[in-house]
N, C-alpha and C. Protein backbone atom coordinates (compact mmCIF):
# COMPACT_ATOMS: atom_id res chain seq x y z
N MET A 1 102.74 146.52 107.27
CA MET A 1 104.49 146.67 107.19
C MET A 1 104.98 145.50 107.12
N ARG A 2 105.84 145.09 106.35
CA ARG A 2 106.37 144.47 106.19
C ARG A 2 107.60 144.10 106.53
N SER A 3 108.70 142.70 106.88
CA SER A 3 109.82 142.50 107.87
C SER A 3 110.55 143.09 106.92
N SER A 4 110.61 143.30 105.68
CA SER A 4 111.78 143.79 105.24
C SER A 4 111.77 145.54 104.96
N ASP A 5 110.73 145.81 105.81
CA ASP A 5 110.54 147.50 105.74
C ASP A 5 111.81 147.68 107.00
N LEU A 6 111.59 146.71 108.05
CA LEU A 6 112.79 146.81 109.31
C LEU A 6 114.28 147.50 108.86
N SER A 7 114.68 148.48 109.64
CA SER A 7 116.22 148.61 109.09
C SER A 7 116.86 147.87 110.14
N LYS A 8 118.46 147.91 110.41
CA LYS A 8 119.07 147.32 111.51
C LYS A 8 119.09 148.18 113.06
N SER A 9 118.67 149.59 112.43
CA SER A 9 118.34 149.98 113.62
C SER A 9 117.23 149.65 114.91
N ASP A 10 115.95 149.35 114.15
CA ASP A 10 114.94 148.91 114.66
C ASP A 10 114.93 147.76 115.63
N TYR A 11 116.15 147.12 115.83
CA TYR A 11 116.77 146.09 116.49
C TYR A 11 117.54 145.82 116.93
N ASN A 12 118.36 144.97 118.59
CA ASN A 12 119.26 144.77 118.73
C ASN A 12 119.61 143.27 117.96
N ASN A 13 121.07 143.38 117.28
CA ASN A 13 121.32 142.30 116.64
C ASN A 13 120.92 140.82 116.78
N TYR A 14 120.99 140.88 118.46
CA TYR A 14 120.41 139.43 119.12
C TYR A 14 119.33 138.85 118.46
N TYR A 15 118.45 139.68 117.67
CA TYR A 15 117.06 139.59 117.45
C TYR A 15 117.21 139.05 115.84
N ALA A 16 118.20 139.46 115.60
CA ALA A 16 118.27 138.95 114.17
C ALA A 16 117.95 137.80 113.30
N PRO A 17 118.12 136.80 114.30
CA PRO A 17 118.03 135.48 114.08
C PRO A 17 116.41 135.32 114.25
N TYR A 18 115.48 135.53 114.62
CA TYR A 18 114.13 135.49 114.79
C TYR A 18 113.49 136.33 113.76
N LEU A 19 114.26 137.40 112.92
CA LEU A 19 113.73 138.02 111.85
C LEU A 19 113.60 137.17 110.88
N GLU A 20 115.11 136.83 110.70
CA GLU A 20 115.50 136.18 109.52
C GLU A 20 114.62 134.92 109.13
N ILE A 21 114.64 134.45 110.23
CA ILE A 21 113.45 133.11 110.27
C ILE A 21 112.08 132.91 109.47
N LEU A 22 111.78 133.98 109.43
CA LEU A 22 110.32 134.57 109.36
C LEU A 22 110.47 134.75 107.38
N GLY A 23 111.60 135.18 106.56
CA GLY A 23 111.77 135.97 105.38
C GLY A 23 110.52 137.27 105.30
N ASP A 24 110.04 137.57 104.13
CA ASP A 24 109.71 138.86 104.06
C ASP A 24 108.14 138.30 104.30
N LYS A 25 107.36 138.87 105.10
CA LYS A 25 106.43 138.60 105.82
C LYS A 25 105.63 140.06 106.02
N GLU A 26 104.16 139.94 105.77
CA GLU A 26 103.54 141.11 106.36
C GLU A 26 103.11 140.94 107.54
N LEU A 27 102.96 141.89 109.07
CA LEU A 27 103.08 141.61 110.08
C LEU A 27 101.89 141.19 110.35
N LYS A 28 100.44 141.87 110.00
CA LYS A 28 99.27 141.59 110.65
C LYS A 28 99.20 140.06 109.98
N ASP A 29 99.34 139.42 108.88
CA ASP A 29 99.02 138.66 108.41
C ASP A 29 99.96 137.21 108.98
N LEU A 30 101.30 137.66 109.24
CA LEU A 30 101.76 136.58 110.09
C LEU A 30 101.30 136.19 111.46
N LEU A 31 100.88 137.65 111.94
CA LEU A 31 100.30 137.61 113.51
C LEU A 31 99.27 136.37 113.26
N GLY A 32 98.10 136.89 112.25
CA GLY A 32 96.96 135.84 112.08
C GLY A 32 97.40 134.30 112.08
N SER A 33 98.14 133.99 111.10
CA SER A 33 98.21 132.92 110.41
C SER A 33 98.91 131.83 111.80
N GLN A 34 99.80 132.47 112.15
CA GLN A 34 100.45 132.05 113.67
C GLN A 34 99.15 131.74 114.52
N LEU A 35 98.16 132.29 114.58
CA LEU A 35 96.91 132.04 115.54
C LEU A 35 96.12 131.18 115.20
N ILE A 36 96.61 130.64 113.91
CA ILE A 36 95.65 129.26 113.51
C ILE A 36 96.71 128.26 113.78
N ASN A 37 98.07 127.98 113.28
CA ASN A 37 98.77 126.79 112.82
C ASN A 37 99.68 126.34 114.35
N PHE A 38 99.74 127.53 115.40
CA PHE A 38 100.58 127.19 116.47
C PHE A 38 99.68 126.23 117.37
N PRO A 39 98.48 127.00 117.74
CA PRO A 39 97.49 125.63 118.28
C PRO A 39 97.42 124.45 117.92
N GLN A 40 97.49 124.14 116.57
CA GLN A 40 97.58 122.68 115.86
C GLN A 40 98.51 122.43 115.96
N PHE A 41 99.80 122.70 116.00
CA PHE A 41 101.02 122.38 115.99
C PHE A 41 101.12 122.00 118.04
N ILE A 42 100.71 122.43 118.79
CA ILE A 42 100.42 122.29 120.10
C ILE A 42 99.31 121.11 119.94
N LYS A 43 98.41 121.24 119.63
CA LYS A 43 97.48 119.81 119.63
C LYS A 43 98.35 118.58 119.23
N SER A 44 99.30 118.75 118.45
CA SER A 44 100.23 117.71 117.72
C SER A 44 101.23 116.83 118.75
N ILE A 45 101.73 117.78 119.49
CA ILE A 45 102.34 117.29 120.56
C ILE A 45 101.98 116.23 121.25
N PRO A 46 102.58 114.95 121.30
CA PRO A 46 102.09 113.95 122.01
C PRO A 46 101.90 113.87 123.85
N ASN A 47 100.63 113.54 124.10
CA ASN A 47 100.79 113.99 125.47
C ASN A 47 101.84 113.63 126.50
N ASP A 48 102.72 112.38 126.08
CA ASP A 48 103.74 111.97 126.99
C ASP A 48 104.54 112.64 126.50
N LYS A 49 104.77 113.68 125.64
CA LYS A 49 106.07 114.70 125.52
C LYS A 49 105.79 115.52 126.39
N LEU A 50 104.95 116.13 126.50
CA LEU A 50 104.59 117.89 127.24
C LEU A 50 105.10 117.88 128.30
N HIS A 51 105.41 117.05 128.66
CA HIS A 51 106.42 117.19 130.49
C HIS A 51 108.11 116.79 129.98
N TYR A 52 107.94 116.32 129.15
CA TYR A 52 109.27 115.38 128.68
C TYR A 52 110.36 117.02 128.08
N SER A 53 111.83 116.47 128.74
CA SER A 53 113.02 117.32 128.72
C SER A 53 113.98 116.10 127.89
N TYR A 54 114.54 116.76 126.96
CA TYR A 54 115.57 115.74 126.35
C TYR A 54 116.83 115.97 126.82
N ALA A 55 117.29 116.63 127.75
CA ALA A 55 118.44 116.37 128.87
C ALA A 55 118.45 117.16 130.11
N GLU A 56 119.18 116.92 130.71
CA GLU A 56 118.90 117.15 132.06
C GLU A 56 119.67 118.55 131.88
N GLY A 57 118.95 119.77 133.15
CA GLY A 57 118.70 121.00 132.73
C GLY A 57 117.73 122.10 131.55
N LYS A 58 117.44 121.04 130.64
CA LYS A 58 117.03 121.79 129.82
C LYS A 58 115.39 121.61 130.05
N CYS A 59 114.55 122.94 129.25
CA CYS A 59 113.10 123.03 129.61
C CYS A 59 112.28 121.69 129.20
N THR A 60 111.08 121.44 129.54
CA THR A 60 110.13 120.65 128.96
C THR A 60 109.59 121.40 127.86
N VAL A 61 108.78 120.70 127.40
CA VAL A 61 107.91 121.54 126.04
C VAL A 61 107.16 122.06 126.71
N ALA A 62 106.50 121.56 127.92
CA ALA A 62 105.38 122.91 128.12
C ALA A 62 105.99 124.14 129.18
N GLU A 63 107.24 123.97 129.10
CA GLU A 63 107.96 125.11 129.87
C GLU A 63 108.54 125.86 128.37
N VAL A 64 108.84 125.07 127.68
CA VAL A 64 109.26 126.03 126.26
C VAL A 64 108.00 126.75 125.95
N LEU A 65 107.06 126.36 125.45
CA LEU A 65 105.46 126.74 125.38
C LEU A 65 105.24 128.16 126.08
N LEU A 66 105.44 127.87 127.56
CA LEU A 66 105.06 128.75 128.73
C LEU A 66 105.76 129.91 128.10
N HIS A 67 107.34 129.75 128.11
CA HIS A 67 108.31 130.98 127.76
C HIS A 67 108.03 131.68 126.46
N VAL A 68 107.27 130.63 125.23
CA VAL A 68 106.94 131.45 124.24
C VAL A 68 105.73 132.83 124.80
N ILE A 69 104.81 131.90 125.33
CA ILE A 69 103.73 132.88 125.80
C ILE A 69 104.15 134.39 126.78
N ASP A 70 104.84 133.43 127.74
CA ASP A 70 105.33 134.96 128.66
C ASP A 70 106.27 135.88 127.78
N THR A 71 107.17 135.51 127.18
CA THR A 71 107.66 136.38 126.47
C THR A 71 106.55 137.39 125.15
N GLU A 72 106.28 136.73 125.01
CA GLU A 72 105.31 137.43 123.97
C GLU A 72 104.48 138.73 124.89
N ARG A 73 104.01 138.13 125.93
CA ARG A 73 103.52 138.97 127.13
C ARG A 73 104.28 140.37 127.23
N VAL A 74 105.75 139.93 127.30
CA VAL A 74 106.42 140.97 127.70
C VAL A 74 106.88 141.81 126.52
N PHE A 75 106.66 141.42 125.50
CA PHE A 75 106.99 141.97 124.20
C PHE A 75 105.88 143.63 123.80
N GLN A 76 104.68 142.89 123.99
CA GLN A 76 103.29 143.51 124.01
C GLN A 76 103.33 144.52 124.71
N TYR A 77 103.84 144.32 125.80
CA TYR A 77 104.08 145.73 126.86
C TYR A 77 105.02 146.70 126.47
N ARG A 78 106.30 145.92 126.23
CA ARG A 78 106.81 146.78 125.32
C ARG A 78 106.37 147.90 124.63
N ALA A 79 106.04 147.28 123.37
CA ALA A 79 105.31 147.96 121.74
C ALA A 79 104.31 148.78 122.40
N LEU A 80 103.21 148.73 123.45
CA LEU A 80 102.36 149.28 123.89
C LEU A 80 103.02 150.74 124.49
N ARG A 81 103.77 150.51 125.53
CA ARG A 81 104.81 151.55 125.95
C ARG A 81 105.52 152.58 125.12
N PHE A 82 106.13 151.59 123.91
CA PHE A 82 106.76 153.02 122.70
C PHE A 82 105.70 153.02 121.86
N ALA A 83 104.68 152.85 121.75
CA ALA A 83 103.61 153.29 120.60
C ALA A 83 102.72 154.82 121.27
N ARG A 84 102.86 154.47 123.06
CA ARG A 84 102.41 155.60 123.34
C ARG A 84 103.01 156.94 124.26
N ASN A 85 104.46 156.84 123.44
CA ASN A 85 105.27 157.74 123.80
C ASN A 85 106.20 157.75 125.03
N ASP A 86 106.19 156.36 125.47
CA ASP A 86 106.68 156.46 127.10
C ASP A 86 108.09 155.97 126.98
N ASP A 87 108.74 157.40 127.26
CA ASP A 87 110.28 156.91 126.81
C ASP A 87 111.54 156.46 127.86
N THR A 88 110.74 155.86 128.86
CA THR A 88 111.67 155.36 130.12
C THR A 88 111.98 154.29 129.67
N PRO A 89 113.49 153.92 130.19
CA PRO A 89 114.15 152.77 129.24
C PRO A 89 113.65 151.84 130.15
N LEU A 90 113.18 150.51 129.36
CA LEU A 90 112.75 149.23 130.07
C LEU A 90 113.66 148.39 130.13
N PRO A 91 113.45 147.50 131.08
CA PRO A 91 114.61 146.48 131.70
C PRO A 91 114.18 145.55 131.08
N GLY A 92 115.54 144.51 131.06
CA GLY A 92 115.21 143.39 130.76
C GLY A 92 114.28 142.17 131.64
N PHE A 93 114.06 141.10 131.17
CA PHE A 93 113.43 140.04 132.20
C PHE A 93 114.30 138.83 131.76
N ASP A 94 114.27 138.50 133.47
CA ASP A 94 115.21 136.82 133.27
C ASP A 94 114.38 135.89 133.07
N GLN A 95 114.76 135.33 131.91
CA GLN A 95 113.82 133.97 130.93
C GLN A 95 113.70 132.99 132.05
N ASP A 96 114.87 132.70 132.63
CA ASP A 96 115.50 131.54 133.43
C ASP A 96 114.13 131.55 134.75
N LEU A 97 114.07 133.00 134.98
CA LEU A 97 113.69 132.88 136.57
C LEU A 97 111.86 132.68 135.93
N PHE A 98 111.34 133.25 134.66
CA PHE A 98 110.37 132.99 134.76
C PHE A 98 109.42 131.51 134.49
N VAL A 99 110.55 130.99 133.60
CA VAL A 99 110.29 129.51 133.57
C VAL A 99 110.07 128.58 134.98
N LYS A 100 110.70 128.95 135.66
CA LYS A 100 111.04 128.48 137.30
C LYS A 100 109.91 128.69 138.14
N ALA A 101 109.28 129.93 137.59
CA ALA A 101 108.23 130.47 138.23
C ALA A 101 106.94 129.82 137.61
N SER A 102 106.73 129.10 136.43
CA SER A 102 105.56 128.99 135.50
C SER A 102 104.51 128.01 136.17
N ASN A 103 105.03 127.42 136.70
CA ASN A 103 104.20 126.02 137.36
C ASN A 103 104.06 125.19 135.77
N ALA A 104 105.13 125.18 134.94
CA ALA A 104 104.79 124.41 133.46
C ALA A 104 103.69 122.56 133.58
N SER A 105 104.58 122.23 134.81
CA SER A 105 104.43 120.88 135.06
C SER A 105 102.87 120.66 135.48
N HIS A 106 101.90 121.70 135.82
CA HIS A 106 100.64 121.58 136.39
C HIS A 106 99.72 121.90 135.20
N TRP A 107 100.63 122.53 134.00
CA TRP A 107 99.75 122.69 132.74
C TRP A 107 99.36 121.47 131.90
N ASN A 108 98.29 121.66 131.00
CA ASN A 108 98.04 120.33 129.97
C ASN A 108 98.10 121.33 128.69
N LYS A 109 97.31 120.71 127.55
CA LYS A 109 97.77 121.20 126.08
C LYS A 109 96.47 122.25 126.17
N GLU A 110 95.47 121.74 126.75
CA GLU A 110 94.39 122.44 126.41
C GLU A 110 94.44 124.23 127.25
N GLN A 111 95.25 123.82 128.02
CA GLN A 111 95.39 125.33 129.05
C GLN A 111 96.27 126.36 128.51
N LEU A 112 97.40 125.44 127.91
CA LEU A 112 98.57 126.10 127.40
C LEU A 112 97.64 126.67 125.87
N ILE A 113 96.90 125.71 125.34
CA ILE A 113 96.46 126.85 123.80
C ILE A 113 95.59 127.91 124.30
N LYS A 114 94.99 127.73 125.54
CA LYS A 114 93.62 128.53 125.58
C LYS A 114 94.51 129.92 125.92
N ALA A 115 95.76 129.74 126.88
CA ALA A 115 96.31 130.82 127.33
C ALA A 115 97.20 131.77 125.39
N TYR A 116 97.79 130.70 124.93
CA TYR A 116 98.26 131.26 123.46
C TYR A 116 97.67 131.63 122.81
N GLU A 117 96.13 131.16 122.90
CA GLU A 117 95.19 132.00 121.84
C GLU A 117 94.79 133.73 122.38
N ALA A 118 94.69 133.36 123.50
CA ALA A 118 94.38 134.71 124.39
C ALA A 118 95.18 135.80 124.39
N VAL A 119 96.89 135.59 124.54
CA VAL A 119 97.61 136.48 124.36
C VAL A 119 97.77 136.57 123.07
N ARG A 120 97.78 135.80 122.26
CA ARG A 120 97.90 135.92 120.63
C ARG A 120 96.98 136.88 120.33
N GLN A 121 95.43 136.68 120.54
CA GLN A 121 94.32 137.34 120.24
C GLN A 121 94.80 138.97 120.89
N SER A 122 95.40 139.19 122.03
CA SER A 122 95.81 140.58 122.63
C SER A 122 97.03 141.61 121.53
N THR A 123 97.81 140.53 121.09
CA THR A 123 98.63 140.89 120.39
C THR A 123 97.99 141.58 119.34
N ILE A 124 97.48 140.68 118.19
CA ILE A 124 96.73 141.16 117.03
C ILE A 124 95.83 142.42 117.07
N SER A 125 95.15 142.36 118.34
CA SER A 125 94.60 143.77 118.40
C SER A 125 95.13 145.12 118.79
N LEU A 126 96.41 144.92 119.54
CA LEU A 126 97.46 145.74 119.85
C LEU A 126 97.90 146.16 118.43
N PHE A 127 98.17 145.18 118.11
CA PHE A 127 99.15 145.65 116.55
C PHE A 127 98.26 146.28 115.46
N SER A 128 96.86 145.51 115.53
CA SER A 128 95.94 145.97 114.95
C SER A 128 95.65 147.61 114.84
N SER A 129 95.40 148.11 116.04
CA SER A 129 95.36 149.29 116.20
C SER A 129 96.31 150.30 116.40
N PHE A 130 97.69 149.61 115.85
CA PHE A 130 98.80 150.90 115.21
C PHE A 130 98.92 151.12 113.85
N GLY A 131 98.88 152.24 113.43
CA GLY A 131 99.15 152.85 112.37
C GLY A 131 100.70 152.92 111.31
N SER A 132 101.29 153.28 110.96
CA SER A 132 101.79 153.36 110.31
C SER A 132 103.17 154.15 111.42
N ILE A 133 102.49 155.60 111.84
CA ILE A 133 103.25 156.13 112.86
C ILE A 133 103.90 155.46 114.47
N GLU A 134 102.78 154.59 114.52
CA GLU A 134 103.33 153.89 115.54
C GLU A 134 104.07 153.03 115.55
N LEU A 135 104.21 152.18 114.42
CA LEU A 135 104.78 151.17 114.22
C LEU A 135 106.50 151.39 114.21
N LYS A 136 106.54 153.04 113.67
CA LYS A 136 107.99 153.44 113.54
C LYS A 136 108.23 154.30 115.00
N LYS A 137 107.82 154.04 115.94
CA LYS A 137 108.15 154.46 117.29
C LYS A 137 109.07 153.46 118.07
N SER A 138 110.25 153.79 118.60
CA SER A 138 110.91 153.02 119.50
C SER A 138 111.05 153.60 120.55
N GLY A 139 111.81 152.75 121.97
CA GLY A 139 112.18 153.07 122.83
C GLY A 139 113.07 151.97 123.14
N ILE A 140 113.46 152.02 124.67
CA ILE A 140 114.44 151.62 125.10
C ILE A 140 114.07 150.21 125.82
N ALA A 141 114.66 148.95 125.32
CA ALA A 141 114.17 148.24 126.40
C ALA A 141 115.67 146.90 126.48
N SER A 142 115.89 146.55 127.33
CA SER A 142 117.34 145.48 127.51
C SER A 142 118.97 146.48 127.28
N ASN A 143 118.43 147.75 127.78
CA ASN A 143 119.45 148.44 127.03
C ASN A 143 119.89 148.80 125.63
N SER A 144 118.76 148.61 124.85
CA SER A 144 119.18 148.56 123.40
C SER A 144 118.11 149.39 122.81
N SER A 145 117.78 149.85 121.87
CA SER A 145 116.75 150.39 120.96
C SER A 145 115.95 149.29 120.24
N MET A 146 114.86 149.72 119.89
CA MET A 146 113.87 148.72 119.55
C MET A 146 112.68 148.95 119.66
N SER A 147 112.12 149.32 118.24
CA SER A 147 110.82 149.44 117.12
C SER A 147 109.54 148.63 117.80
N VAL A 148 108.64 149.82 117.70
CA VAL A 148 107.23 148.82 117.85
C VAL A 148 106.95 147.69 116.61
N ALA A 149 107.70 148.04 115.54
CA ALA A 149 106.86 146.80 115.00
C ALA A 149 107.95 145.51 114.48
N ALA A 150 109.28 146.07 115.17
CA ALA A 150 110.61 144.85 115.35
C ALA A 150 109.65 143.86 116.77
N LEU A 151 109.01 144.73 117.61
CA LEU A 151 108.91 143.73 118.61
C LEU A 151 107.48 143.15 118.06
N GLY A 152 106.65 143.30 117.15
CA GLY A 152 105.72 142.45 116.62
C GLY A 152 106.41 141.66 115.79
N PHE A 153 107.33 141.66 114.85
CA PHE A 153 108.02 140.49 114.42
C PHE A 153 108.97 139.55 115.04
N ILE A 154 109.32 140.35 115.97
CA ILE A 154 110.54 138.84 117.02
C ILE A 154 109.14 138.15 118.09
N CYS A 155 107.98 138.82 118.22
CA CYS A 155 106.97 137.76 118.70
C CYS A 155 107.16 136.64 117.69
N CYS A 156 107.01 136.97 116.51
CA CYS A 156 106.60 135.90 115.77
C CYS A 156 107.55 134.93 115.19
N GLY A 157 108.82 135.69 115.21
CA GLY A 157 109.84 134.71 114.76
C GLY A 157 110.48 133.87 116.07
N HIS A 158 110.30 134.78 117.46
CA HIS A 158 110.69 133.89 118.68
C HIS A 158 110.10 132.72 118.76
N GLN A 159 108.45 132.80 118.30
CA GLN A 159 107.58 131.56 118.37
C GLN A 159 108.18 130.88 117.38
N LYS A 160 108.37 130.91 115.96
CA LYS A 160 108.75 129.79 114.80
C LYS A 160 109.91 129.44 115.40
N HIS A 161 110.99 129.89 115.89
CA HIS A 161 111.89 129.25 116.40
C HIS A 161 112.00 128.39 117.60
N HIS A 162 110.93 128.84 118.47
CA HIS A 162 111.27 127.95 119.31
C HIS A 162 110.34 126.47 118.88
N ARG A 163 109.57 126.86 117.98
CA ARG A 163 108.62 125.61 117.43
C ARG A 163 109.49 124.48 116.90
N ASN A 164 110.58 125.09 115.94
CA ASN A 164 111.39 124.22 115.17
C ASN A 164 112.82 123.84 116.12
N ILE A 165 112.93 124.26 117.69
CA ILE A 165 113.61 123.54 118.43
C ILE A 165 112.68 122.33 119.30
N ILE A 166 111.43 122.27 119.39
CA ILE A 166 110.60 121.32 120.08
C ILE A 166 110.65 120.59 118.88
N ARG A 167 110.30 120.62 117.30
CA ARG A 167 110.56 119.42 116.63
C ARG A 167 111.81 118.99 116.45
N ALA A 168 112.71 119.69 116.70
CA ALA A 168 113.98 118.82 116.72
C ALA A 168 114.62 118.10 117.34
N ASN A 169 114.72 118.89 118.68
CA ASN A 169 114.81 118.02 120.07
C ASN A 169 114.14 117.30 120.83
N TYR A 170 112.22 117.69 120.66
CA TYR A 170 111.55 117.21 121.52
C TYR A 170 110.69 116.04 120.80
N LEU A 171 110.48 115.71 119.83
CA LEU A 171 109.43 115.15 119.44
C LEU A 171 109.85 114.13 118.09
């Protein structure tokens, strides 16, 4: 499935910037290419910047990276529930609480890369199991309708968004 196959009804407009940043891409190709290039990006971050914050009250680089990983885990779970016809509305999650509880100050680059690769491999495995019927299924998360396919693309766009923020504000 390509990102251009999504309709506005597949996601809340809040997520539009994450989809727009991707351009017109094929989901499985994008998931795979990011599995290669995001760990390379993490490796390129200077060690002295990993626990750096560019302003008071802003996340450190490690916290941003763990946020990307945690968000992908949450979105994977949502995709699985919707693909399996679970119509239970799912609550949102408080990303700020997740960041505070992440213990990011104890993580090094190798641990972050390993965690990212495990999560992304799991995302690839999950989305590879979905056919066109499952990708078109949807459910309610954070009080909004969201399709399985949109969840996959949002994982990719969310990652790219935060990589761009790290480049612009931290490095």
